[in-house]
Protein backbone atom coordinates (compact mmCIF):
# COMPACT_ATOMS: atom_id res chain seq x y z
CA MET A 1 6.67 -5.06 -15.08
CA ALA A 2 3.45 -7.17 -13.70
CA THR A 3 0.69 -7.27 -15.16
CA ILE A 4 -2.96 -8.82 -14.08
CA LYS A 5 -5.84 -10.03 -16.75
CA VAL A 6 -8.90 -8.96 -16.42
CA LYS A 7 -12.09 -11.09 -17.61
CA GLN A 8 -15.01 -8.97 -18.52
CA THR A 9 -18.32 -11.06 -16.47
CA GLY A 10 -21.11 -8.21 -16.41
CA SER A 11 -22.81 -6.04 -19.56
CA PRO A 12 -22.33 -2.68 -19.73
CA ILE A 13 -26.16 -2.33 -21.09
CA ARG A 14 -28.55 -0.18 -18.33
CA ARG A 15 -25.07 0.90 -16.39
CA PRO A 16 -23.98 5.01 -16.61
CA GLU A 17 -21.98 6.24 -19.69
CA SER A 18 -18.96 6.96 -16.31
CA GLN A 19 -18.44 3.24 -16.39
CA ARG A 20 -19.02 2.70 -20.32
CA LYS A 21 -16.36 4.49 -20.24
CA VAL A 22 -13.76 2.76 -17.76
CA LEU A 23 -14.98 -0.60 -19.50
CA ALA A 24 -13.70 0.88 -22.99
CA GLY A 25 -10.59 2.24 -21.39
CA LEU A 26 -10.33 -1.37 -20.35
CA GLY A 27 -10.30 -2.62 -23.79
CA LEU A 28 -13.41 -4.47 -22.78
CA GLY A 29 -16.72 -4.50 -24.18
CA LYS A 30 -18.02 -7.76 -25.10
CA MET A 31 -18.96 -10.29 -22.44
CA ASN A 32 -16.23 -13.53 -21.63
CA ARG A 33 -13.19 -11.62 -23.35
CA VAL A 34 -9.70 -11.29 -21.25
CA LEU A 35 -7.07 -8.28 -21.81
CA GLU A 36 -4.13 -8.55 -20.12
CA HIS A 37 -2.85 -5.13 -18.97
CA THR A 38 0.21 -3.46 -16.75
CA ASP A 39 -0.38 -3.43 -12.95
CA THR A 40 -0.66 0.00 -12.10
CA PRO A 41 -2.26 2.22 -9.57
CA GLU A 42 -4.31 4.03 -12.50
CA ILE A 43 -5.70 0.13 -14.36
CA ARG A 44 -6.72 -0.95 -10.16
CA GLY A 45 -8.67 2.32 -10.25
CA MET A 46 -10.51 1.21 -13.04
CA ILE A 47 -10.98 -2.16 -12.19
CA GLN A 48 -12.14 -1.08 -8.31
CA LYS A 49 -14.54 1.38 -10.64
CA VAL A 50 -16.26 -1.10 -12.36
CA ARG A 51 -16.05 -4.71 -9.60
CA HIS A 52 -19.03 -5.44 -10.36
CA MET A 53 -18.51 -6.23 -13.93
CA VAL A 54 -15.24 -7.77 -14.39
CA THR A 55 -12.96 -10.29 -12.65
CA ILE A 56 -9.55 -11.08 -12.10
CA VAL A 57 -7.96 -13.47 -14.06
CA ASP A 58 -4.94 -16.13 -12.74
């Protein structure tokens, strides 16, 4: 399956609890951390929820 790399670029401080939980679900929590996930609609939806705090790395 295809994979997607996600990098956290924004801080979860002063963000709603739901957005913090989405970041935790993605395995993120610290700035500039990069993780690789399978490219599924569920992961894409999670990225969409916190798009202001993450970027997709090539």
